[in-house]
PDB file of all heavy atoms in Angstrom:
ATOM      1  N   TYR A   1      94.403  94.004  69.975  1.00  0.00           N
ATOM      2  CA  TYR A   1      93.879  92.667  69.847  1.00  0.00           C
ATOM      3  C   TYR A   1      94.409  91.690  70.895  1.00  0.00           C
ATOM      4  O   TYR A   1      93.700  90.977  71.557  1.00  0.00           O
ATOM      5  CB  TYR A   1      94.240  92.088  68.420  1.00  0.00           C
ATOM      6  CG  TYR A   1      93.992  90.606  68.277  1.00  0.00           C
ATOM      7  CD1 TYR A   1      92.745  90.100  68.076  1.00  0.00           C
ATOM      8  CD2 TYR A   1      95.079  89.717  68.404  1.00  0.00           C
ATOM      9  CE1 TYR A   1      92.545  88.727  67.899  1.00  0.00           C
ATOM     10  CE2 TYR A   1      94.886  88.356  68.226  1.00  0.00           C
ATOM     11  CZ  TYR A   1      93.629  87.911  67.967  1.00  0.00           C
ATOM     12  OH  TYR A   1      93.409  86.537  67.850  1.00  0.00           O
ATOM     13  N   TYR A   2      95.693  91.801  71.136  1.00  0.00           N
ATOM     14  CA  TYR A   2      96.365  90.941  72.111  1.00  0.00           C
ATOM     15  C   TYR A   2      95.895  91.247  73.567  1.00  0.00           C
ATOM     16  O   TYR A   2      95.729  90.380  74.362  1.00  0.00           O
ATOM     17  CB  TYR A   2      97.889  90.953  72.000  1.00  0.00           C
ATOM     18  CG  TYR A   2      98.367  90.315  70.777  1.00  0.00           C
ATOM     19  CD1 TYR A   2      98.848  91.012  69.629  1.00  0.00           C
ATOM     20  CD2 TYR A   2      98.269  88.850  70.614  1.00  0.00           C
ATOM     21  CE1 TYR A   2      99.229  90.421  68.506  1.00  0.00           C
ATOM     22  CE2 TYR A   2      98.718  88.282  69.504  1.00  0.00           C
ATOM     23  CZ  TYR A   2      99.205  88.998  68.425  1.00  0.00           C
ATOM     24  OH  TYR A   2      99.600  88.366  67.213  1.00  0.00           O
ATOM     25  N   GLU A   3      95.701  92.534  73.833  1.00  0.00           N
ATOM     26  CA  GLU A   3      95.231  92.929  75.137  1.00  0.00           C
ATOM     27  C   GLU A   3      93.969  92.269  75.524  1.00  0.00           C
ATOM     28  O   GLU A   3      93.752  91.810  76.627  1.00  0.00           O
ATOM     29  CB  GLU A   3      95.126  94.489  75.210  1.00  0.00           C
ATOM     30  CG  GLU A   3      94.713  94.927  76.672  1.00  0.00           C
ATOM     31  CD  GLU A   3      94.725  96.430  76.767  1.00  0.00           C
ATOM     32  OE1 GLU A   3      95.056  97.158  75.797  1.00  0.00           O
ATOM     33  OE2 GLU A   3      94.473  96.878  77.873  1.00  0.00           O
ATOM     34  N   SER A   4      93.014  92.220  74.539  1.00  0.00           N
ATOM     35  CA  SER A   4      91.756  91.576  74.831  1.00  0.00           C
ATOM     36  C   SER A   4      91.942  90.076  75.200  1.00  0.00           C
ATOM     37  O   SER A   4      91.200  89.544  76.007  1.00  0.00           O
ATOM     38  CB  SER A   4      90.842  91.665  73.663  1.00  0.00           C
ATOM     39  OG  SER A   4      91.363  90.917  72.403  1.00  0.00           O
ATOM     40  N   GLN A   5      92.989  89.471  74.599  1.00  0.00           N
ATOM     41  CA  GLN A   5      93.240  88.085  74.892  1.00  0.00           C
ATOM     42  C   GLN A   5      93.807  87.972  76.317  1.00  0.00           C
ATOM     43  O   GLN A   5      93.373  87.054  77.070  1.00  0.00           O
ATOM     44  CB  GLN A   5      94.344  87.541  73.968  1.00  0.00           C
ATOM     45  CG  GLN A   5      94.066  87.687  72.434  1.00  0.00           C
ATOM     46  CD  GLN A   5      92.847  86.851  72.049  1.00  0.00           C
ATOM     47  OE1 GLN A   5      92.599  85.712  72.576  1.00  0.00           O
ATOM     48  NE2 GLN A   5      92.116  87.291  71.113  1.00  0.00           N
ATOM     49  N   TRP A   6      94.646  88.887  76.762  1.00  0.00           N
ATOM     50  CA  TRP A   6      95.193  88.794  78.079  1.00  0.00           C
ATOM     51  C   TRP A   6      94.050  89.027  79.147  1.00  0.00           C
ATOM     52  O   TRP A   6      93.948  88.346  80.192  1.00  0.00           O
ATOM     53  CB  TRP A   6      96.247  89.879  78.310  1.00  0.00           C
ATOM     54  CG  TRP A   6      97.360  89.932  77.340  1.00  0.00           C
ATOM     55  CD1 TRP A   6      97.879  90.989  76.715  1.00  0.00           C
ATOM     56  CD2 TRP A   6      98.088  88.792  76.780  1.00  0.00           C
ATOM     57  NE1 TRP A   6      98.883  90.692  75.831  1.00  0.00           N
ATOM     58  CE2 TRP A   6      99.073  89.336  75.880  1.00  0.00           C
ATOM     59  CE3 TRP A   6      98.097  87.404  77.024  1.00  0.00           C
ATOM     60  CZ2 TRP A   6      99.958  88.476  75.171  1.00  0.00           C
ATOM     61  CZ3 TRP A   6      99.014  86.642  76.344  1.00  0.00           C
ATOM     62  CH2 TRP A   6      99.895  87.164  75.448  1.00  0.00           C
ATOM     63  N   ILE A   7      93.177  89.990  78.821  1.00  0.00           N
ATOM     64  CA  ILE A   7      92.148  90.278  79.776  1.00  0.00           C
ATOM     65  C   ILE A   7      91.172  89.144  79.922  1.00  0.00           C
ATOM     66  O   ILE A   7      90.729  88.683  81.048  1.00  0.00           O
ATOM     67  CB  ILE A   7      91.280  91.540  79.324  1.00  0.00           C
ATOM     68  CG1 ILE A   7      92.238  92.781  79.467  1.00  0.00           C
ATOM     69  CG2 ILE A   7      90.050  91.747  80.137  1.00  0.00           C
ATOM     70  CD1 ILE A   7      91.630  94.046  78.839  1.00  0.00           C
ATOM     71  N   GLU A   8      90.870  88.422  78.805  1.00  0.00           N
ATOM     72  CA  GLU A   8      90.079  87.247  78.855  1.00  0.00           C
ATOM     73  C   GLU A   8      90.629  86.172  79.736  1.00  0.00           C
ATOM     74  O   GLU A   8      89.952  85.379  80.356  1.00  0.00           O
ATOM     75  CB  GLU A   8      89.757  86.704  77.375  1.00  0.00           C
ATOM     76  CG  GLU A   8      88.815  87.543  76.676  1.00  0.00           C
ATOM     77  CD  GLU A   8      88.585  86.834  75.278  1.00  0.00           C
ATOM     78  OE1 GLU A   8      89.054  85.656  75.086  1.00  0.00           O
ATOM     79  OE2 GLU A   8      87.936  87.557  74.392  1.00  0.00           O
ATOM     80  N   ARG A   9      91.993  86.091  79.783  1.00  0.00           N
ATOM     81  CA  ARG A   9      92.682  85.061  80.597  1.00  0.00           C
ATOM     82  C   ARG A   9      92.817  85.545  82.054  1.00  0.00           C
ATOM     83  O   ARG A   9      93.285  84.828  82.884  1.00  0.00           O
ATOM     84  CB  ARG A   9      94.118  84.869  79.969  1.00  0.00           C
ATOM     85  CG  ARG A   9      94.061  84.192  78.656  1.00  0.00           C
ATOM     86  CD  ARG A   9      95.472  83.992  78.145  1.00  0.00           C
ATOM     87  NE  ARG A   9      96.281  83.051  79.009  1.00  0.00           N
ATOM     88  CZ  ARG A   9      97.508  82.769  78.778  1.00  0.00           C
ATOM     89  NH1 ARG A   9      98.146  83.388  77.845  1.00  0.00           N
ATOM     90  NH2 ARG A   9      98.163  81.926  79.531  1.00  0.00           N
ATOM     91  N   GLY A  10      92.273  86.705  82.372  1.00  0.00           N
ATOM     92  CA  GLY A  10      92.301  87.211  83.765  1.00  0.00           C
ATOM     93  C   GLY A  10      93.647  87.858  84.167  1.00  0.00           C
ATOM     94  O   GLY A  10      93.924  87.981  85.329  1.00  0.00           O
ATOM     95  N   LEU A  11      94.446  88.120  83.209  1.00  0.00           N
ATOM     96  CA  LEU A  11      95.777  88.748  83.496  1.00  0.00           C
ATOM     97  C   LEU A  11      95.603  90.256  83.773  1.00  0.00           C
ATOM     98  O   LEU A  11      94.918  90.964  83.132  1.00  0.00           O
ATOM     99  CB  LEU A  11      96.729  88.547  82.326  1.00  0.00           C
ATOM    100  CG  LEU A  11      97.070  87.078  81.995  1.00  0.00           C
ATOM    101  CD1 LEU A  11      98.016  86.968  80.781  1.00  0.00           C
ATOM    102  CD2 LEU A  11      97.722  86.325  83.240  1.00  0.00           C
ATOM    103  N   ASN A  12      96.391  90.763  84.732  1.00  0.00           N
ATOM    104  CA  ASN A  12      96.492  92.207  84.960  1.00  0.00           C
ATOM    105  C   ASN A  12      97.125  92.911  83.903  1.00  0.00           C
ATOM    106  O   ASN A  12      98.136  92.432  83.384  1.00  0.00           O
ATOM    107  CB  ASN A  12      97.195  92.444  86.334  1.00  0.00           C
ATOM    108  CG  ASN A  12      96.497  92.030  87.482  1.00  0.00           C
ATOM    109  OD1 ASN A  12      95.297  91.583  87.429  1.00  0.00           O
ATOM    110  ND2 ASN A  12      97.050  92.103  88.715  1.00  0.00           N
ATOM    111  N   ILE A  13      96.669  94.085  83.567  1.00  0.00           N
ATOM    112  CA  ILE A  13      97.343  95.012  82.667  1.00  0.00           C
ATOM    113  C   ILE A  13      98.126  96.050  83.438  1.00  0.00           C
ATOM    114  O   ILE A  13      97.567  96.715  84.292  1.00  0.00           O
ATOM    115  CB  ILE A  13      96.405  95.647  81.661  1.00  0.00           C
ATOM    116  CG1 ILE A  13      95.536  94.582  80.947  1.00  0.00           C
ATOM    117  CG2 ILE A  13      97.123  96.551  80.691  1.00  0.00           C
ATOM    118  CD1 ILE A  13      96.307  93.579  80.153  1.00  0.00           C
ATOM    119  N   ARG A  14      99.465  96.081  83.155  1.00  0.00           N
ATOM    120  CA  ARG A  14     100.292  96.959  83.903  1.00  0.00           C
ATOM    121  C   ARG A  14     100.714  98.223  83.031  1.00  0.00           C
ATOM    122  O   ARG A  14     100.755  98.107  81.779  1.00  0.00           O
ATOM    123  CB  ARG A  14     101.544  96.212  84.345  1.00  0.00           C
ATOM    124  CG  ARG A  14     101.186  95.127  85.331  1.00  0.00           C
ATOM    125  CD  ARG A  14     102.402  94.117  85.435  1.00  0.00           C
ATOM    126  NE  ARG A  14     102.179  93.140  86.525  1.00  0.00           N
ATOM    127  CZ  ARG A  14     101.437  91.977  86.422  1.00  0.00           C
ATOM    128  NH1 ARG A  14     100.881  91.723  85.247  1.00  0.00           N
ATOM    129  NH2 ARG A  14     101.289  91.162  87.401  1.00  0.00           N
ATOM    130  N   TYR A  15     100.893  99.366  83.695  1.00  0.00           N
ATOM    131  CA  TYR A  15     101.226 100.568  82.983  1.00  0.00           C
ATOM    132  C   TYR A  15     102.265 101.394  83.745  1.00  0.00           C
ATOM    133  O   TYR A  15     102.104 101.581  84.880  1.00  0.00           O
ATOM    134  CB  TYR A  15      99.885 101.370  82.727  1.00  0.00           C
ATOM    135  CG  TYR A  15     100.160 102.682  82.086  1.00  0.00           C
ATOM    136  CD1 TYR A  15     100.633 102.858  80.848  1.00  0.00           C
ATOM    137  CD2 TYR A  15      99.828 103.935  82.873  1.00  0.00           C
ATOM    138  CE1 TYR A  15     100.890 104.192  80.240  1.00  0.00           C
ATOM    139  CE2 TYR A  15     100.087 105.147  82.274  1.00  0.00           C
ATOM    140  CZ  TYR A  15     100.496 105.259  81.003  1.00  0.00           C
ATOM    141  OH  TYR A  15     100.781 106.512  80.477  1.00  0.00           O
ATOM    142  N   LEU A  16     103.210 101.928  82.999  1.00  0.00           N
ATOM    143  CA  LEU A  16     104.327 102.741  83.542  1.00  0.00           C
ATOM    144  C   LEU A  16     104.568 103.859  82.617  1.00  0.00           C
ATOM    145  O   LEU A  16     104.752 103.687  81.389  1.00  0.00           O
ATOM    146  CB  LEU A  16     105.575 101.897  83.778  1.00  0.00           C
ATOM    147  CG  LEU A  16     106.830 102.601  84.292  1.00  0.00           C
ATOM    148  CD1 LEU A  16     106.560 103.236  85.689  1.00  0.00           C
ATOM    149  CD2 LEU A  16     108.003 101.680  84.359  1.00  0.00           C
ATOM    150  N   LYS A  17     104.541 105.100  83.162  1.00  0.00           N
ATOM    151  CA  LYS A  17     104.839 106.296  82.380  1.00  0.00           C
ATOM    152  C   LYS A  17     105.925 107.069  83.064  1.00  0.00           C
ATOM    153  O   LYS A  17     105.860 107.392  84.192  1.00  0.00           O
ATOM    154  CB  LYS A  17     103.522 107.149  82.358  1.00  0.00           C
ATOM    155  CG  LYS A  17     103.697 108.447  81.661  1.00  0.00           C
ATOM    156  CD  LYS A  17     102.361 109.238  81.723  1.00  0.00           C
ATOM    157  CE  LYS A  17     102.419 110.542  81.011  1.00  0.00           C
ATOM    158  NZ  LYS A  17     101.155 111.337  81.157  1.00  0.00           N
ATOM    159  N   PHE A  18     107.103 107.327  82.282  1.00  0.00           N
ATOM    160  CA  PHE A  18     108.238 107.924  82.908  1.00  0.00           C
ATOM    161  C   PHE A  18     108.911 108.853  81.790  1.00  0.00           C
ATOM    162  O   PHE A  18     108.636 108.769  80.650  1.00  0.00           O
ATOM    163  CB  PHE A  18     109.233 106.920  83.388  1.00  0.00           C
ATOM    164  CG  PHE A  18     109.764 105.954  82.381  1.00  0.00           C
ATOM    165  CD1 PHE A  18     110.983 106.155  81.755  1.00  0.00           C
ATOM    166  CD2 PHE A  18     109.082 104.784  82.030  1.00  0.00           C
ATOM    167  CE1 PHE A  18     111.539 105.338  80.818  1.00  0.00           C
ATOM    168  CE2 PHE A  18     109.618 103.851  81.137  1.00  0.00           C
ATOM    169  CZ  PHE A  18     110.812 104.191  80.497  1.00  0.00           C
ATOM    170  N   ARG A  19     109.771 109.728  82.404  1.00  0.00           N
ATOM    171  CA  ARG A  19     110.542 110.677  81.514  1.00  0.00           C
ATOM    172  C   ARG A  19     111.958 110.050  81.221  1.00  0.00           C
ATOM    173  O   ARG A  19     112.508 109.452  82.106  1.00  0.00           O
ATOM    174  CB  ARG A  19     110.658 112.037  82.086  1.00  0.00           C
ATOM    175  CG  ARG A  19     109.294 112.796  82.157  1.00  0.00           C
ATOM    176  CD  ARG A  19     109.469 114.242  82.536  1.00  0.00           C
ATOM    177  NE  ARG A  19     108.203 114.952  82.612  1.00  0.00           N
ATOM    178  CZ  ARG A  19     107.506 115.387  81.567  1.00  0.00           C
ATOM    179  NH1 ARG A  19     108.069 115.316  80.350  1.00  0.00           N
ATOM    180  NH2 ARG A  19     106.446 116.014  81.724  1.00  0.00           N
ATOM    181  N   LEU A  20     112.504 110.416  80.105  1.00  0.00           N
ATOM    182  CA  LEU A  20     113.850 109.906  79.735  1.00  0.00           C
ATOM    183  C   LEU A  20     114.698 111.210  79.497  1.00  0.00           C
ATOM    184  O   LEU A  20     114.754 111.672  78.406  1.00  0.00           O
ATOM    185  CB  LEU A  20     113.747 109.081  78.480  1.00  0.00           C
ATOM    186  CG  LEU A  20     115.074 108.494  78.014  1.00  0.00           C
ATOM    187  CD1 LEU A  20     115.693 107.594  79.091  1.00  0.00           C
ATOM    188  CD2 LEU A  20     114.918 107.639  76.726  1.00  0.00           C
ATOM    189  N   PRO A  21     115.438 111.608  80.513  1.00  0.00           N
ATOM    190  CA  PRO A  21     116.261 112.801  80.354  1.00  0.00           C
ATOM    191  C   PRO A  21     117.551 112.422  79.632  1.00  0.00           C
ATOM    192  O   PRO A  21     117.976 111.369  79.550  1.00  0.00           O
ATOM    193  CB  PRO A  21     116.642 113.120  81.826  1.00  0.00           C
ATOM    194  CG  PRO A  21     115.785 112.415  82.684  1.00  0.00           C
ATOM    195  CD  PRO A  21     115.369 111.120  81.878  1.00  0.00           C
ATOM    196  N   HIS A  22     118.126 113.483  78.994  1.00  0.00           N
ATOM    197  CA  HIS A  22     119.365 113.365  78.362  1.00  0.00           C
ATOM    198  C   HIS A  22     120.504 113.531  79.362  1.00  0.00           C
ATOM    199  O   HIS A  22     120.327 113.875  80.550  1.00  0.00           O
ATOM    200  CB  HIS A  22     119.603 114.412  77.235  1.00  0.00           C
ATOM    201  CG  HIS A  22     118.636 114.209  76.125  1.00  0.00           C
ATOM    202  ND1 HIS A  22     118.690 115.066  74.977  1.00  0.00           N
ATOM    203  CD2 HIS A  22     117.689 113.301  75.887  1.00  0.00           C
ATOM    204  CE1 HIS A  22     117.679 114.703  74.193  1.00  0.00           C
ATOM    205  NE2 HIS A  22     117.071 113.617  74.640  1.00  0.00           N
ATOM    206  N   GLY A  23     121.748 113.184  78.995  1.00  0.00           N
ATOM    207  CA  GLY A  23     122.915 113.483  79.784  1.00  0.00           C
ATOM    208  C   GLY A  23     123.083 112.630  81.013  1.00  0.00           C
ATOM    209  O   GLY A  23     123.900 113.014  81.895  1.00  0.00           O
ATOM    210  N   VAL A  24     122.421 111.549  81.165  1.00  0.00           N
ATOM    211  CA  VAL A  24     122.566 110.642  82.337  1.00  0.00           C
ATOM    212  C   VAL A  24     122.998 109.295  81.856  1.00  0.00           C
ATOM    213  O   VAL A  24     122.471 108.731  80.946  1.00  0.00           O
ATOM    214  CB  VAL A  24     121.228 110.431  83.011  1.00  0.00           C
ATOM    215  CG1 VAL A  24     121.388 109.552  84.290  1.00  0.00           C
ATOM    216  CG2 VAL A  24     120.614 111.783  83.523  1.00  0.00           C
ATOM    217  N   ALA A  25     124.150 108.842  82.420  1.00  0.00           N
ATOM    218  CA  ALA A  25     124.658 107.540  82.013  1.00  0.00           C
ATOM    219  C   ALA A  25     123.745 106.446  82.540  1.00  0.00           C
ATOM    220  O   ALA A  25     123.491 106.345  83.736  1.00  0.00           O
ATOM    221  CB  ALA A  25     126.144 107.363  82.625  1.00  0.00           C
ATOM    222  N   LEU A  26     123.134 105.670  81.660  1.00  0.00           N
ATOM    223  CA  LEU A  26     122.189 104.621  82.037  1.00  0.00           C
ATOM    224  C   LEU A  26     122.875 103.315  82.410  1.00  0.00           C
ATOM    225  O   LEU A  26     123.863 102.842  81.735  1.00  0.00           O
ATOM    226  CB  LEU A  26     121.213 104.393  80.851  1.00  0.00           C
ATOM    227  CG  LEU A  26     120.382 105.664  80.486  1.00  0.00           C
ATOM    228  CD1 LEU A  26     119.484 105.308  79.297  1.00  0.00           C
ATOM    229  CD2 LEU A  26     119.576 106.139  81.675  1.00  0.00           C
ATOM    230  N   GLU A  27     122.341 102.652  83.454  1.00  0.00           N
ATOM    231  CA  GLU A  27     122.919 101.377  83.931  1.00  0.00           C
ATOM    232  C   GLU A  27     121.773 100.375  84.009  1.00  0.00           C
ATOM    233  O   GLU A  27     120.623 100.745  84.362  1.00  0.00           O
ATOM    234  CB  GLU A  27     123.586 101.537  85.254  1.00  0.00           C
ATOM    235  CG  GLU A  27     124.797 102.530  85.283  1.00  0.00           C
ATOM    236  CD  GLU A  27     125.417 102.581  86.594  1.00  0.00           C
ATOM    237  OE1 GLU A  27     125.153 101.683  87.485  1.00  0.00           O
ATOM    238  OE2 GLU A  27     126.141 103.575  86.899  1.00  0.00           O
ATOM    239  N   GLU A  28     122.078  99.169  83.818  1.00  0.00           N
ATOM    240  CA  GLU A  28     121.102  98.048  83.974  1.00  0.00           C
ATOM    241  C   GLU A  28     121.057  97.599  85.503  1.00  0.00           C
ATOM    242  O   GLU A  28     122.084  97.599  86.149  1.00  0.00           O
ATOM    243  CB  GLU A  28     121.496  96.822  83.180  1.00  0.00           C
ATOM    244  CG  GLU A  28     121.260  96.986  81.661  1.00  0.00           C
ATOM    245  CD  GLU A  28     119.879  96.919  81.246  1.00  0.00           C
ATOM    246  OE1 GLU A  28     119.106  96.127  81.904  1.00  0.00           O
ATOM    247  OE2 GLU A  28     119.426  97.626  80.321  1.00  0.00           O
ATOM    248  N   SER A  29     119.901  97.282  85.884  1.00  0.00           N
ATOM    249  CA  SER A  29     119.812  96.715  87.213  1.00  0.00           C
ATOM    250  C   SER A  29     120.251  95.238  87.250  1.00  0.00           C
ATOM    251  O   SER A  29     120.170  94.551  86.217  1.00  0.00           O
ATOM    252  CB  SER A  29     118.352  96.726  87.723  1.00  0.00           C
ATOM    253  OG  SER A  29     118.131  95.889  88.879  1.00  0.00           O
ATOM    254  N   GLU A  30     120.795  94.743  88.349  1.00  0.00           N
ATOM    255  CA  GLU A  30     121.305  93.407  88.469  1.00  0.00           C
ATOM    256  C   GLU A  30     120.396  92.523  89.295  1.00  0.00           C
ATOM    257  O   GLU A  30     120.768  91.346  89.580  1.00  0.00           O
ATOM    258  CB  GLU A  30     122.712  93.461  89.109  1.00  0.00           C
ATOM    259  CG  GLU A  30     123.819  94.141  88.253  1.00  0.00           C
ATOM    260  CD  GLU A  30     124.049  93.355  86.904  1.00  0.00           C
ATOM    261  OE1 GLU A  30     124.028  92.142  86.986  1.00  0.00           O
ATOM    262  OE2 GLU A  30     124.099  94.085  85.914  1.00  0.00           O
ATOM    263  N   GLU A  31     119.256  92.980  89.575  1.00  0.00           N
ATOM    264  CA  GLU A  31     118.279  92.204  90.407  1.00  0.00           C
ATOM    265  C   GLU A  31     117.712  91.094  89.525  1.00  0.00           C
ATOM    266  O   GLU A  31     117.409  91.281  88.374  1.00  0.00           O
ATOM    267  CB  GLU A  31     117.201  93.069  90.990  1.00  0.00           C
ATOM    268  CG  GLU A  31     117.695  94.077  92.001  1.00  0.00           C
ATOM    269  CD  GLU A  31     116.542  94.721  92.790  1.00  0.00           C
ATOM    270  OE1 GLU A  31     115.575  93.981  93.065  1.00  0.00           O
ATOM    271  OE2 GLU A  31     116.667  95.949  93.061  1.00  0.00           O
ATOM    272  N   GLU A  32     117.449  89.933  90.223  1.00  0.00           N
ATOM    273  CA  GLU A  32     116.880  88.752  89.587  1.00  0.00           C
ATOM    274  C   GLU A  32     115.372  89.033  89.559  1.00  0.00           C
ATOM    275  O   GLU A  32     114.770  89.496  90.518  1.00  0.00           O
ATOM    276  CB  GLU A  32     117.169  87.524  90.320  1.00  0.00           C
ATOM    277  CG  GLU A  32     118.596  87.156  90.170  1.00  0.00           C
ATOM    278  CD  GLU A  32     119.025  86.434  88.825  1.00  0.00           C
ATOM    279  OE1 GLU A  32     118.047  86.006  88.256  1.00  0.00           O
ATOM    280  OE2 GLU A  32     120.203  86.357  88.541  1.00  0.00           O
ATOM    281  N   ILE A  33     114.641  88.630  88.412  1.00  0.00           N
ATOM    282  CA  ILE A  33     113.203  88.871  88.286  1.00  0.00           C
ATOM    283  C   ILE A  33     112.592  87.499  87.940  1.00  0.00           C
ATOM    284  O   ILE A  33     113.001  86.733  87.055  1.00  0.00           O
ATOM    285  CB  ILE A  33     112.954  89.818  87.131  1.00  0.00           C
ATOM    286  CG1 ILE A  33     113.710  91.119  87.327  1.00  0.00           C
ATOM    287  CG2 ILE A  33     111.462  90.110  86.999  1.00  0.00           C
ATOM    288  CD1 ILE A  33     113.707  91.977  86.096  1.00  0.00           C
ATOM    289  N   PRO A  34     111.450  87.124  88.644  1.00  0.00           N
ATOM    290  CA  PRO A  34     110.756  85.910  88.325  1.00  0.00           C
ATOM    291  C   PRO A  34     110.293  85.902  86.813  1.00  0.00           C
ATOM    292  O   PRO A  34     109.767  86.923  86.381  1.00  0.00           O
ATOM    293  CB  PRO A  34     109.638  85.904  89.271  1.00  0.00           C
ATOM    294  CG  PRO A  34     110.022  86.734  90.389  1.00  0.00           C
ATOM    295  CD  PRO A  34     110.913  87.853  89.838  1.00  0.00           C
ATOM    296  N   LEU A  35     110.435  84.815  86.167  1.00  0.00           N
ATOM    297  CA  LEU A  35     109.998  84.744  84.814  1.00  0.00           C
ATOM    298  C   LEU A  35     108.438  84.646  84.721  1.00  0.00           C
ATOM    299  O   LEU A  35     107.819  84.101  85.689  1.00  0.00           O
ATOM    300  CB  LEU A  35     110.573  83.513  84.087  1.00  0.00           C
ATOM    301  CG  LEU A  35     112.098  83.411  83.928  1.00  0.00           C
ATOM    302  CD1 LEU A  35     112.464  82.213  83.228  1.00  0.00           C
ATOM    303  CD2 LEU A  35     112.628  84.644  83.239  1.00  0.00           C
ATOM    304  N   ASP A  36     107.865  85.150  83.655  1.00  0.00           N
ATOM    305  CA  ASP A  36     106.462  84.937  83.472  1.00  0.00           C
ATOM    306  C   ASP A  36     106.174  83.490  83.189  1.00  0.00           C
ATOM    307  O   ASP A  36     107.056  82.733  82.779  1.00  0.00           O
ATOM    308  CB  ASP A  36     105.995  85.725  82.125  1.00  0.00           C
ATOM    309  CG  ASP A  36     106.097  87.208  82.378  1.00  0.00           C
ATOM    310  OD1 ASP A  36     105.952  87.659  83.570  1.00  0.00           O
ATOM    311  OD2 ASP A  36     106.230  87.956  81.369  1.00  0.00           O
ATOM    312  N   SER A  37     104.975  82.982  83.491  1.00  0.00           N
ATOM    313  CA  SER A  37     104.631  81.595  83.255  1.00  0.00           C
ATOM    314  C   SER A  37     104.328  81.303  81.739  1.00  0.00           C
ATOM    315  O   SER A  37     103.975  80.223  81.368  1.00  0.00           O
ATOM    316  CB  SER A  37     103.436  81.221  84.063  1.00  0.00           C
ATOM    317  OG  SER A  37     102.356  82.052  83.791  1.00  0.00           O
ATOM    318  N   TYR A  38     104.440  82.341  80.901  1.00  0.00           N
ATOM    319  CA  TYR A  38     104.207  82.214  79.457  1.00  0.00           C
ATOM    320  C   TYR A  38     105.149  83.256  78.800  1.00  0.00           C
ATOM    321  O   TYR A  38     105.693  84.188  79.410  1.00  0.00           O
ATOM    322  CB  TYR A  38     102.820  82.539  79.137  1.00  0.00           C
ATOM    323  CG  TYR A  38     102.409  83.995  79.497  1.00  0.00           C
ATOM    324  CD1 TYR A  38     102.561  85.025  78.545  1.00  0.00           C
ATOM    325  CD2 TYR A  38     102.066  84.364  80.804  1.00  0.00           C
ATOM    326  CE1 TYR A  38     102.342  86.302  78.902  1.00  0.00           C
ATOM    327  CE2 TYR A  38     101.871  85.627  81.120  1.00  0.00           C
ATOM    328  CZ  TYR A  38     101.980  86.628  80.193  1.00  0.00           C
ATOM    329  OH  TYR A  38     101.709  87.976  80.547  1.00  0.00           O
ATOM    330  N   ARG A  39     105.448  83.051  77.494  1.00  0.00           N
ATOM    331  CA  ARG A  39     106.229  84.069  76.816  1.00  0.00           C
ATOM    332  C   ARG A  39     105.323  84.925  75.981  1.00  0.00           C
ATOM    333  O   ARG A  39     105.559  86.080  75.868  1.00  0.00           O
ATOM    334  CB  ARG A  39     107.244  83.344  75.892  1.00  0.00           C
ATOM    335  CG  ARG A  39     108.279  84.342  75.354  1.00  0.00           C
ATOM    336  CD  ARG A  39     109.434  83.644  74.646  1.00  0.00           C
ATOM    337  NE  ARG A  39     109.062  83.273  73.313  1.00  0.00           N
ATOM    338  CZ  ARG A  39     109.829  82.648  72.490  1.00  0.00           C
ATOM    339  NH1 ARG A  39     111.019  82.242  72.917  1.00  0.00           N
ATOM    340  NH2 ARG A  39     109.513  82.304  71.259  1.00  0.00           N
TER     341      ARG A  39
END
C-alpha cells in the first residue's frame, strides 16, 4: 500500500539483495548520509 503512495509521488524504489554470513564481526560505517526530505 505504501509503495503505491511513493510511486505516485515520483519517488524511486530502491532494492538491495545481499548475503549475511556467520562468523564475521560486524561494524557500523562512520560515513555521514544526507537525510531524506521526509520521514
